[in-house]
Amino acid sequence: MPRSSGLNGDTGLPLIFRIAFIAPLTFPFPIIPQTKFENKKKDDYIMKTFANKGGILKKVTARKIARMLGVSGSTVSRALNNSSSVASDTRKMILETARKMGFSLPHTQNQTIAVIGDFFPQDVTGYYSLFYFIYDEIARRGGHVELVAAKDIELLNERIFHGAVNYSTSILDFSLKWKEAYNIPLVNINQFISDADTGQVVMDTQAAMYDAIECLVRHGHRKIAYLSLESEMAERQKGCRRLYNYEAAMRAHGFDDLTDLIFFDAENVLEETIFRILEKNITGVVMPTEISGIRLEAILHRNHIRIPETLSLVTWEYPLISAVLTPPRTTIAIDYHEIAEKAVSMLYEMLSRQSPPRTVFVSAKFIERESIQSISASERASVIQAGSTFVQRRILAALLERPMSRRELAEYLKLSPANGNFRKCLGKLLKMNMIALTDPHSVHSRNQKYSLVEPGSRGASPQACQQ
């Protein structure tokens, strides 16, 4: 998706990717305020000229703006309608003067709405699919959509907009400076900072996160990790408060020390982080965002890590995908369509002055499928308790598929058959009666294979299983 930057041909106008539903564009309402004029005397002159004796601004018209600037009324009209036929310098002068004079026009149906966001062509899933739903909601109301990349936010001062919907995750302080800099109705989605002058639509993950942790605990899990591709600061600035909700849910279940259970900045080290999680004997993972769960699939497959036998997993719902993975993933689902509908509805209510800005919450939903294993119901859980190792769990996961020789197991695990730790783990699992030789009478045969012992056939004592 193209970002809004650069210049637009001969006119010298900033390029903003524009999607029009109705043409031509009519006068907007209200006008965006610009930053203060450099020439304060000019400001004072304008304010005094259009104020009556009571200090109340008179009605400002396009004709008055034209007379003030010495240009034609049609030039002012075209500039206020975002026409590219007006020279860049003239256009800026007209917009600055109009903003300073408090120029406004009646409410119209085909309004121009700025959608502010982070546009990544390679990632149009999950949170970033919000644009499509916002686009559709504005289209249904007969509006124009103009995309403004968060990094090019100052472009709002060079065009006329009725209002804006912001779903950017890269700039989190829009509300603090919005009224002073732009003064048009704004609705934020999932922003950490808010105020009384901007609308807010927030993803509420509290109940869904609690349900996810409760489900893992109910199935016997005690070491449940939170794995994020983002930094700790980014996580703690999320309006949905997903990290806070994870921490609160864990503490509500009696797990107060979360120091070794939270992993940040895994964007470029996801595979290494998964190994660290398994080495810490963590049995369950909550992993936010839709795309991160899909990226995880390749790592799991490449390293023969089985879900849920080796690791129980809760990810964010990826529509049409999560339910058909093997096994179907247990997820937390965000309704982005509902979020977009509520954001656009609130913005249009603010534009028509039907209701003031407010905060609306959209609850996420927990969906339980098959990616959580009940470790308390299986004796295989003994290798996941204290004293077990990552290699032991991988050996058991491999033998779930079929009996294998030591060489086959080593190749499956990408280890040398002579690896000391690998051979030690095989010996320990044999002693614990978790695995068995297919031919006990030919221990050193090249055709000798290891197989998984069925739970009912195991004779090792509980004390041996914990060694």
Protein backbone atom coordinates (compact mmCIF):
# COMPACT_ATOMS: atom_id res chain seq x y z
CA MET A 1 0.00 0.00 0.00
CA PRO A 2 1.61 3.29 -0.99
CA ARG A 3 2.70 5.75 1.62
CA SER A 4 1.80 9.41 1.35
CA SER A 5 4.91 11.40 0.58
CA GLY A 6 6.59 13.34 -2.15
CA LEU A 7 5.20 15.95 -4.53
CA ASN A 8 2.36 15.72 -6.93
CA GLY A 9 3.52 16.66 -10.44
CA ASP A 10 3.47 20.25 -11.63
CA THR A 11 1.28 21.57 -8.84
CA GLY A 12 3.85 20.87 -6.13
CA LEU A 13 1.09 19.52 -3.88
CA PRO A 14 1.89 16.82 -1.31
CA LEU A 15 0.91 13.43 -2.60
CA ILE A 16 -1.71 11.68 -0.49
CA PHE A 17 -3.15 8.41 -1.73
CA ARG A 18 -6.81 9.27 -2.32
CA ILE A 19 -9.81 7.03 -2.73
CA ALA A 20 -12.88 8.99 -3.81
CA PHE A 21 -16.41 7.73 -3.58
CA ILE A 22 -18.25 10.90 -4.62
CA ALA A 23 -17.07 13.79 -6.78
CA PRO A 24 -16.66 16.65 -6.86
CA LEU A 25 -15.47 17.34 -3.32
CA THR A 26 -17.67 19.88 -1.55
CA PHE A 27 -16.74 22.40 1.12
CA PRO A 28 -15.50 20.68 4.26
CA PHE A 29 -16.40 21.39 7.86
CA PRO A 30 -14.67 22.57 9.98
CA ILE A 31 -11.34 23.91 8.72
CA ILE A 32 -8.15 22.53 10.25
CA PRO A 33 -6.22 25.09 12.26
CA GLN A 34 -2.64 25.70 11.26
CA THR A 35 0.21 26.52 13.60
CA LYS A 36 0.55 30.18 14.53
CA PHE A 37 1.42 32.69 11.84
CA GLU A 38 4.99 33.81 12.05
CA ASN A 39 3.81 37.40 11.76
CA LYS A 40 1.86 38.13 14.95
CA LYS A 41 0.74 41.55 13.67
CA LYS A 42 -0.99 39.83 10.78
CA ASP A 43 -2.76 37.51 13.24
CA ASP A 44 -3.96 40.44 15.32
CA TYR A 45 -5.10 42.28 12.21
CA ILE A 46 -7.18 39.36 11.02
CA MET A 47 -8.78 38.81 14.42
CA LYS A 48 -9.60 42.50 14.88
CA THR A 49 -10.98 42.83 11.37
CA PHE A 50 -13.48 40.01 11.80
CA ALA A 51 -14.51 40.63 15.40
CA ASN A 52 -17.36 42.86 16.43
CA LYS A 53 -17.36 45.14 19.41
CA GLY A 54 -18.52 42.36 21.71
CA GLY A 55 -15.46 40.32 20.81
CA ILE A 56 -17.51 37.67 18.95
CA LEU A 57 -16.27 36.56 15.55
CA LYS A 58 -18.48 37.50 12.65
CA LYS A 59 -19.45 34.89 10.09
CA VAL A 60 -16.49 34.28 7.80
CA THR A 61 -17.19 33.61 4.13
CA ALA A 62 -15.00 32.62 1.21
CA ARG A 63 -15.64 36.09 -0.28
CA LYS A 64 -14.22 37.78 2.85
CA ILE A 65 -11.14 35.56 2.70
CA ALA A 66 -10.71 36.51 -0.97
CA ARG A 67 -10.92 40.22 -0.19
CA MET A 68 -8.47 39.84 2.68
CA LEU A 69 -5.89 38.17 0.47
CA GLY A 70 -6.57 40.00 -2.78
CA VAL A 71 -7.48 36.90 -4.78
CA SER A 72 -10.66 35.89 -6.56
CA GLY A 73 -13.52 34.14 -4.80
CA SER A 74 -13.24 31.20 -7.21
CA THR A 75 -9.58 30.74 -6.26
CA VAL A 76 -10.53 30.56 -2.59
CA SER A 77 -13.35 28.14 -3.40
CA ARG A 78 -11.05 25.83 -5.35
CA ALA A 79 -8.42 25.89 -2.60
CA LEU A 80 -11.00 25.01 0.03
CA ASN A 81 -12.13 22.12 -2.14
CA ASN A 82 -8.59 20.65 -2.36
CA SER A 83 -8.36 21.49 -6.06
CA SER A 84 -4.93 20.88 -7.61
CA SER A 85 -5.47 23.83 -9.98
CA VAL A 86 -4.41 26.33 -7.30
CA ALA A 87 -0.70 27.08 -7.01
CA SER A 88 0.93 25.60 -3.91
CA ASP A 89 1.94 28.93 -2.32
CA THR A 90 -1.48 30.50 -2.95
CA ARG A 91 -3.20 27.42 -1.61
CA LYS A 92 -1.18 27.46 1.62
CA MET A 93 -1.85 31.16 2.12
CA ILE A 94 -5.60 30.66 1.70
CA LEU A 95 -5.74 27.67 4.07
CA GLU A 96 -3.70 29.43 6.74
CA THR A 97 -5.90 32.51 6.60
CA ALA A 98 -9.11 30.47 6.61
CA ARG A 99 -8.00 28.49 9.64
CA LYS A 100 -6.99 31.60 11.52
CA MET A 101 -10.32 33.28 10.79
CA GLY A 102 -12.28 30.26 12.04
CA PHE A 103 -13.85 29.57 8.65
CA SER A 104 -16.44 26.79 8.65
CA LEU A 105 -18.99 25.37 6.24
CA PRO A 106 -22.28 23.50 6.71
CA HIS A 107 -22.34 19.75 7.30
CA THR A 108 -22.32 17.77 4.06
CA GLN A 109 -22.76 14.09 3.24
CA ASN A 110 -19.69 13.48 1.09
CA GLN A 111 -17.07 14.46 3.64
CA THR A 112 -13.34 13.91 3.36
CA ILE A 113 -11.93 11.70 6.11
CA ALA A 114 -8.24 11.19 6.81
CA VAL A 115 -7.31 7.64 7.76
CA ILE A 116 -4.00 7.81 9.63
CA GLY A 117 -2.01 4.62 9.94
CA ASP A 118 1.07 2.57 9.27
CA PHE A 119 0.81 1.05 5.81
CA PHE A 120 2.84 -2.09 5.17
CA PRO A 121 2.19 -3.84 1.83
CA GLN A 122 3.66 -7.08 3.22
CA ASP A 123 1.35 -7.11 6.25
CA VAL A 124 -2.35 -6.57 5.63
CA THR A 125 -3.57 -9.04 8.24
CA GLY A 126 -4.85 -8.67 11.76
CA TYR A 127 -4.57 -5.16 13.12
CA TYR A 128 -3.51 -3.72 9.77
CA SER A 129 -6.63 -5.09 8.12
CA LEU A 130 -8.46 -2.31 9.98
CA PHE A 131 -7.93 -0.02 7.00
CA TYR A 132 -10.17 -2.13 4.77
CA PHE A 133 -12.98 -2.12 7.31
CA ILE A 134 -12.63 1.63 7.95
CA TYR A 135 -12.61 2.21 4.18
CA ASP A 136 -15.83 0.21 3.79
CA GLU A 137 -17.61 1.99 6.66
CA ILE A 138 -16.79 5.44 5.24
CA ALA A 139 -17.80 4.31 1.75
CA ARG A 140 -21.22 3.24 3.03
CA ARG A 141 -21.72 6.77 4.31
CA GLY A 142 -20.75 8.30 0.98
CA GLY A 143 -17.45 9.79 2.10
CA HIS A 144 -14.00 10.32 0.61
CA VAL A 145 -11.02 8.52 2.14
CA GLU A 146 -7.52 9.94 2.02
CA LEU A 147 -4.69 7.89 3.51
CA VAL A 148 -2.06 9.71 5.52
CA ALA A 149 0.98 7.80 6.77
CA ALA A 150 1.72 8.54 10.41
CA LYS A 151 5.20 9.72 9.51
CA ASP A 152 3.68 12.33 7.16
CA ILE A 153 1.10 13.65 9.62
CA GLU A 154 1.94 17.29 8.79
CA LEU A 155 0.23 16.76 5.43
CA LEU A 156 -2.99 17.35 7.32
CA ASN A 157 -2.04 21.02 7.32
CA GLU A 158 -1.94 21.11 3.53
CA ARG A 159 -5.37 19.75 2.71
CA ILE A 160 -8.92 20.11 3.98
CA PHE A 161 -10.42 17.30 6.06
CA HIS A 162 -13.67 16.98 7.96
CA GLY A 163 -12.32 14.49 10.48
CA ALA A 164 -9.85 11.66 11.01
CA VAL A 165 -9.60 8.07 12.21
CA ASN A 166 -6.19 7.09 13.56
CA TYR A 167 -5.08 3.50 13.96
CA SER A 168 -1.33 4.08 13.84
CA THR A 169 0.83 2.13 16.26
CA SER A 170 4.02 4.11 15.63
CA ILE A 171 2.87 7.46 17.06
CA LEU A 172 1.03 7.23 20.36
CA ASP A 173 0.56 10.86 21.41
CA PHE A 174 -1.92 12.15 18.83
CA SER A 175 -4.44 13.21 21.43
CA LEU A 176 -2.01 15.46 23.29
CA LYS A 177 -1.34 17.76 20.34
CA TRP A 178 -4.30 17.15 18.06
CA LYS A 179 -6.64 19.94 19.13
CA GLU A 180 -3.90 22.55 19.07
CA ALA A 181 -2.44 21.47 15.73
CA TYR A 182 -5.46 20.38 13.67
CA ASN A 183 -8.76 20.93 15.53
CA ILE A 184 -10.89 18.50 13.57
CA PRO A 185 -12.82 15.60 15.10
CA LEU A 186 -10.54 12.63 15.77
CA VAL A 187 -11.24 9.04 16.76
CA ASN A 188 -8.28 6.96 17.94
CA ILE A 189 -8.20 3.19 17.79
CA ASN A 190 -6.36 1.33 20.53
CA GLN A 191 -4.35 4.35 21.69
CA PHE A 192 -2.64 4.42 25.08
CA ILE A 193 -3.12 8.19 25.57
CA SER A 194 -6.53 9.82 25.38
CA ASP A 195 -8.35 12.98 26.44
CA ALA A 196 -11.86 14.36 26.55
CA ASP A 197 -11.61 15.97 23.10
CA THR A 198 -10.96 12.80 21.09
CA GLY A 199 -13.02 9.67 20.63
CA GLN A 200 -11.51 6.31 21.54
CA VAL A 201 -12.28 2.76 20.43
CA VAL A 202 -10.27 0.28 22.47
CA MET A 203 -9.78 -3.47 22.12
CA ASP A 204 -10.67 -5.01 25.47
CA THR A 205 -8.64 -8.20 25.97
CA GLN A 206 -9.15 -8.54 29.72
CA ALA A 207 -11.84 -11.23 29.80
CA ALA A 208 -10.38 -13.19 26.85
CA MET A 209 -6.88 -13.22 28.37
CA TYR A 210 -8.25 -14.37 31.72
CA ASP A 211 -10.16 -17.16 29.97
CA ALA A 212 -6.99 -18.22 28.11
CA ILE A 213 -4.89 -18.42 31.28
CA GLU A 214 -7.71 -20.15 33.16
CA CYS A 215 -7.94 -22.76 30.38
CA LEU A 216 -4.19 -23.46 30.49
CA VAL A 217 -4.23 -23.72 34.30
CA ARG A 218 -7.27 -26.00 34.19
CA HIS A 219 -5.31 -28.34 31.90
CA GLY A 220 -2.47 -28.58 34.38
CA HIS A 221 -0.08 -25.90 33.12
CA ARG A 222 1.84 -23.87 35.67
CA LYS A 223 4.63 -22.27 33.64
CA ILE A 224 2.85 -20.14 31.05
CA ALA A 225 4.91 -17.67 29.02
CA TYR A 226 4.02 -14.45 27.22
CA LEU A 227 5.97 -14.18 23.95
CA SER A 228 5.97 -10.87 22.04
CA LEU A 229 7.83 -9.77 18.92
CA GLU A 230 7.71 -6.18 20.21
CA SER A 231 9.62 -4.29 22.89
CA GLU A 232 8.44 -4.01 26.46
CA MET A 233 7.74 -0.30 25.97
CA ALA A 234 5.61 -0.98 22.90
CA GLU A 235 3.71 -3.69 24.75
CA ARG A 236 3.00 -1.46 27.75
CA GLN A 237 1.73 1.34 25.49
CA LYS A 238 -0.92 -0.81 23.81
CA GLY A 239 -4.41 0.50 24.39
CA CYS A 240 -5.68 -3.08 24.63
CA ARG A 241 -3.40 -3.63 27.66
CA ARG A 242 -2.80 -7.24 26.63
CA LEU A 243 0.45 -7.57 28.63
CA TYR A 244 -1.12 -6.06 31.76
CA ASN A 245 -4.07 -8.42 31.35
CA TYR A 246 -1.73 -11.43 31.06
CA GLU A 247 0.08 -10.36 34.24
CA ALA A 248 -3.19 -9.79 36.11
CA ALA A 249 -4.62 -13.15 35.01
CA MET A 250 -1.47 -15.02 36.06
CA ARG A 251 -1.44 -13.35 39.47
CA ALA A 252 -5.14 -14.06 39.90
CA HIS A 253 -4.22 -17.75 39.58
CA GLY A 254 -1.47 -17.49 42.18
CA PHE A 255 1.59 -17.00 39.92
CA ASP A 256 3.32 -13.89 41.23
CA ASP A 257 6.87 -14.32 39.94
CA LEU A 258 6.69 -13.75 36.17
CA THR A 259 10.33 -12.73 35.70
CA ASP A 260 11.30 -15.76 33.60
CA LEU A 261 7.99 -16.08 31.79
CA ILE A 262 7.84 -12.88 29.70
CA PHE A 263 9.84 -12.58 26.48
CA PHE A 264 10.15 -9.35 24.45
CA ASP A 265 11.88 -8.30 21.21
CA ALA A 266 11.60 -11.72 19.57
CA GLU A 267 11.14 -10.25 16.07
CA ASN A 268 14.53 -11.40 14.76
CA VAL A 269 15.29 -14.15 17.29
CA LEU A 270 12.02 -16.04 17.39
CA GLU A 271 13.57 -19.47 16.87
CA GLU A 272 16.18 -18.93 19.59
CA THR A 273 13.47 -17.64 21.93
CA ILE A 274 11.38 -20.79 21.40
CA PHE A 275 14.42 -22.90 22.37
CA ARG A 276 14.90 -20.77 25.51
CA ILE A 277 11.24 -21.28 26.42
CA LEU A 278 11.52 -25.06 26.08
CA GLU A 279 14.81 -25.18 28.00
CA LYS A 280 13.06 -23.42 30.91
CA ASN A 281 10.47 -26.25 30.96
CA ILE A 282 7.68 -23.83 30.06
CA THR A 283 4.67 -25.82 28.89
CA GLY A 284 2.27 -23.12 27.64
CA VAL A 285 2.70 -19.94 25.59
CA VAL A 286 0.44 -16.98 24.88
CA MET A 287 1.60 -15.21 21.71
CA PRO A 288 -0.15 -11.98 20.65
CA THR A 289 -0.76 -10.75 17.07
CA GLU A 290 -2.00 -12.77 14.16
CA ILE A 291 1.09 -12.68 11.94
CA SER A 292 3.47 -13.79 14.72
CA GLY A 293 1.48 -16.99 15.18
CA ILE A 294 1.82 -17.78 11.47
CA ARG A 295 5.57 -17.08 11.54
CA LEU A 296 5.86 -19.49 14.44
CA GLU A 297 4.44 -22.35 12.34
CA ALA A 298 7.54 -22.62 10.13
CA ILE A 299 9.84 -22.72 13.18
CA LEU A 300 7.78 -25.43 14.85
CA HIS A 301 7.79 -27.56 11.71
CA ARG A 302 11.50 -27.08 11.03
CA ASN A 303 12.46 -28.14 14.55
CA HIS A 304 9.91 -30.95 14.91
CA ILE A 305 8.24 -29.22 17.83
CA ARG A 306 4.77 -30.67 18.15
CA ILE A 307 1.70 -28.74 19.28
CA PRO A 308 0.34 -29.51 21.86
CA GLU A 309 2.52 -32.54 22.80
CA THR A 310 5.68 -30.46 23.25
CA LEU A 311 4.13 -27.05 23.82
CA SER A 312 0.58 -25.82 24.36
CA LEU A 313 -0.16 -22.62 22.46
CA VAL A 314 -2.62 -19.71 22.48
CA THR A 315 -2.26 -17.24 19.59
CA TRP A 316 -4.36 -14.45 18.09
CA GLU A 317 -7.12 -15.59 15.75
CA TYR A 318 -6.15 -15.52 12.07
CA PRO A 319 -9.49 -15.77 10.19
CA LEU A 320 -9.77 -18.79 7.88
CA ILE A 321 -6.34 -20.04 8.97
CA SER A 322 -6.26 -20.73 12.73
CA ALA A 323 -9.15 -23.19 12.59
CA VAL A 324 -7.60 -25.33 9.80
CA LEU A 325 -4.04 -25.67 11.13
CA THR A 326 -2.98 -29.02 12.58
CA PRO A 327 -4.04 -29.04 15.30
CA PRO A 328 -6.60 -26.20 15.14
CA ARG A 329 -5.25 -23.36 17.25
CA THR A 330 -6.75 -22.07 20.47
CA THR A 331 -6.93 -18.30 20.02
CA ILE A 332 -7.98 -14.86 21.21
CA ALA A 333 -10.11 -13.27 18.49
CA ILE A 334 -10.36 -9.53 17.82
CA ASP A 335 -13.39 -8.27 15.86
CA TYR A 336 -11.74 -5.65 13.64
CA HIS A 337 -14.92 -5.11 11.64
CA GLU A 338 -16.81 -4.09 14.78
CA ILE A 339 -13.93 -1.83 15.85
CA ALA A 340 -13.96 -0.02 12.49
CA GLU A 341 -17.76 0.31 12.51
CA LYS A 342 -17.78 1.84 15.99
CA ALA A 343 -14.90 4.21 15.18
CA VAL A 344 -16.46 5.56 11.98
CA SER A 345 -19.93 5.79 13.55
CA MET A 346 -18.53 7.79 16.44
CA LEU A 347 -16.65 10.12 14.08
CA TYR A 348 -19.79 10.88 12.03
CA GLU A 349 -21.76 11.49 15.24
CA MET A 350 -19.08 13.95 16.33
CA LEU A 351 -19.16 15.65 12.91
CA SER A 352 -22.91 16.11 13.08
CA ARG A 353 -22.73 17.01 16.77
CA GLN A 354 -25.10 14.17 17.70
CA SER A 355 -22.84 13.06 20.55
CA PRO A 356 -19.57 14.15 22.19
CA PRO A 357 -16.30 12.19 22.05
CA ARG A 358 -16.30 9.12 24.30
CA THR A 359 -14.49 5.82 24.88
CA VAL A 360 -15.96 2.59 23.54
CA PHE A 361 -14.62 -0.89 24.31
CA VAL A 362 -14.85 -3.87 21.95
CA SER A 363 -14.33 -7.16 23.76
CA ALA A 364 -12.07 -9.87 22.39
CA LYS A 365 -13.24 -13.48 22.50
CA PHE A 366 -11.43 -16.62 23.66
CA ILE A 367 -11.83 -19.59 21.29
CA GLU A 368 -10.74 -22.99 22.66
CA ARG A 369 -9.71 -25.57 20.06
CA GLU A 370 -7.02 -28.27 20.18
CA SER A 371 -3.64 -26.61 20.75
CA ILE A 372 -3.74 -27.02 24.55
CA GLN A 373 -2.90 -30.42 26.02
CA SER A 374 -4.05 -31.57 29.44
CA ILE A 375 -0.68 -32.46 30.93
CA SER A 376 -2.24 -33.70 34.16
CA ALA A 377 -4.10 -36.41 32.24
CA SER A 378 -1.04 -37.95 30.60
CA GLU A 379 1.98 -39.63 32.13
CA ARG A 380 4.07 -38.04 29.42
CA ALA A 381 3.77 -34.90 31.51
CA SER A 382 6.41 -36.36 33.86
CA VAL A 383 9.16 -35.29 31.46
CA ILE A 384 7.81 -31.77 31.48
CA GLN A 385 8.16 -31.49 35.23
CA ALA A 386 11.29 -30.57 37.18
CA GLY A 387 14.36 -32.58 36.16
CA SER A 388 13.38 -33.01 32.49
CA THR A 389 15.18 -31.49 29.53
CA PHE A 390 14.30 -30.02 26.17
CA VAL A 391 16.03 -32.94 24.38
CA GLN A 392 13.96 -35.49 26.32
CA ARG A 393 10.74 -33.83 25.26
CA ARG A 394 11.86 -33.71 21.63
CA ILE A 395 12.75 -37.42 21.71
CA LEU A 396 9.28 -38.28 23.02
CA ALA A 397 7.62 -36.01 20.46
CA ALA A 398 9.57 -37.70 17.65
CA LEU A 399 8.66 -41.21 18.84
CA LEU A 400 4.99 -40.25 18.84
CA GLU A 401 5.21 -40.47 15.05
CA ARG A 402 6.93 -43.90 14.76
CA PRO A 403 9.71 -46.05 16.28
CA MET A 404 13.17 -44.82 15.29
CA SER A 405 16.76 -45.98 15.55
CA ARG A 406 19.30 -43.85 17.39
CA ARG A 407 20.67 -42.59 14.08
CA GLU A 408 17.18 -41.74 12.83
CA LEU A 409 16.36 -39.94 16.07
CA ALA A 410 19.60 -37.96 15.92
CA GLU A 411 18.90 -36.96 12.32
CA TYR A 412 15.34 -35.98 13.25
CA LEU A 413 16.62 -33.82 16.12
CA LYS A 414 19.55 -32.46 14.04
CA LEU A 415 22.09 -33.88 16.47
CA SER A 416 25.10 -36.15 16.14
CA PRO A 417 24.35 -39.81 17.05
CA ALA A 418 27.44 -39.64 19.28
CA ASN A 419 26.24 -36.50 21.12
CA GLY A 420 26.77 -37.19 24.82
CA ASN A 421 23.69 -35.36 26.08
CA PHE A 422 21.52 -37.08 23.44
CA ARG A 423 22.73 -40.53 24.48
CA LYS A 424 22.33 -39.66 28.15
CA CYS A 425 18.70 -38.60 27.54
CA LEU A 426 17.97 -41.87 25.74
CA GLY A 427 19.38 -43.81 28.69
CA LYS A 428 17.37 -41.80 31.21
CA LEU A 429 14.11 -42.26 29.28
CA LEU A 430 14.79 -46.02 29.07
CA LYS A 431 15.41 -46.11 32.84
CA MET A 432 12.20 -44.15 33.45
CA ASN A 433 10.37 -46.68 31.24
CA MET A 434 9.12 -43.84 29.03
CA ILE A 435 10.62 -45.51 25.96
CA ALA A 436 11.64 -49.08 25.17
CA LEU A 437 13.83 -51.05 22.74
CA THR A 438 11.92 -52.85 20.00
CA ASP A 439 14.39 -55.78 20.28
CA PRO A 440 15.66 -56.02 23.88
CA HIS A 441 17.75 -59.11 23.04
CA SER A 442 19.89 -57.28 20.46
CA VAL A 443 20.81 -54.12 22.27
CA HIS A 444 23.71 -53.24 19.97
CA SER A 445 22.05 -54.19 16.69
CA ARG A 446 22.12 -51.54 13.96
CA ASN A 447 18.45 -52.29 13.37
CA GLN A 448 17.61 -51.58 17.00
CA LYS A 449 14.86 -48.99 17.40
CA TYR A 450 13.28 -47.04 20.22
CA SER A 451 9.53 -46.85 20.68
CA LEU A 452 7.22 -44.98 23.01
CA VAL A 453 5.87 -46.99 25.95
CA GLU A 454 2.11 -46.80 26.31
CA PRO A 455 1.08 -45.17 29.61
CA GLY A 456 -0.64 -48.29 30.93
CA SER A 457 2.46 -50.42 30.32
CA ARG A 458 4.93 -48.28 32.23
CA GLY A 459 6.41 -49.84 35.32
CA ALA A 460 8.74 -47.11 36.55
CA SER A 461 7.99 -45.68 39.96
CA PRO A 462 6.91 -42.03 40.34
CA GLN A 463 10.23 -41.42 42.13
CA ALA A 464 12.16 -42.68 39.09
CA CYS A 465 10.17 -40.44 36.78
CA GLN A 466 11.23 -37.42 38.76
CA GLN A 467 14.96 -38.16 38.73
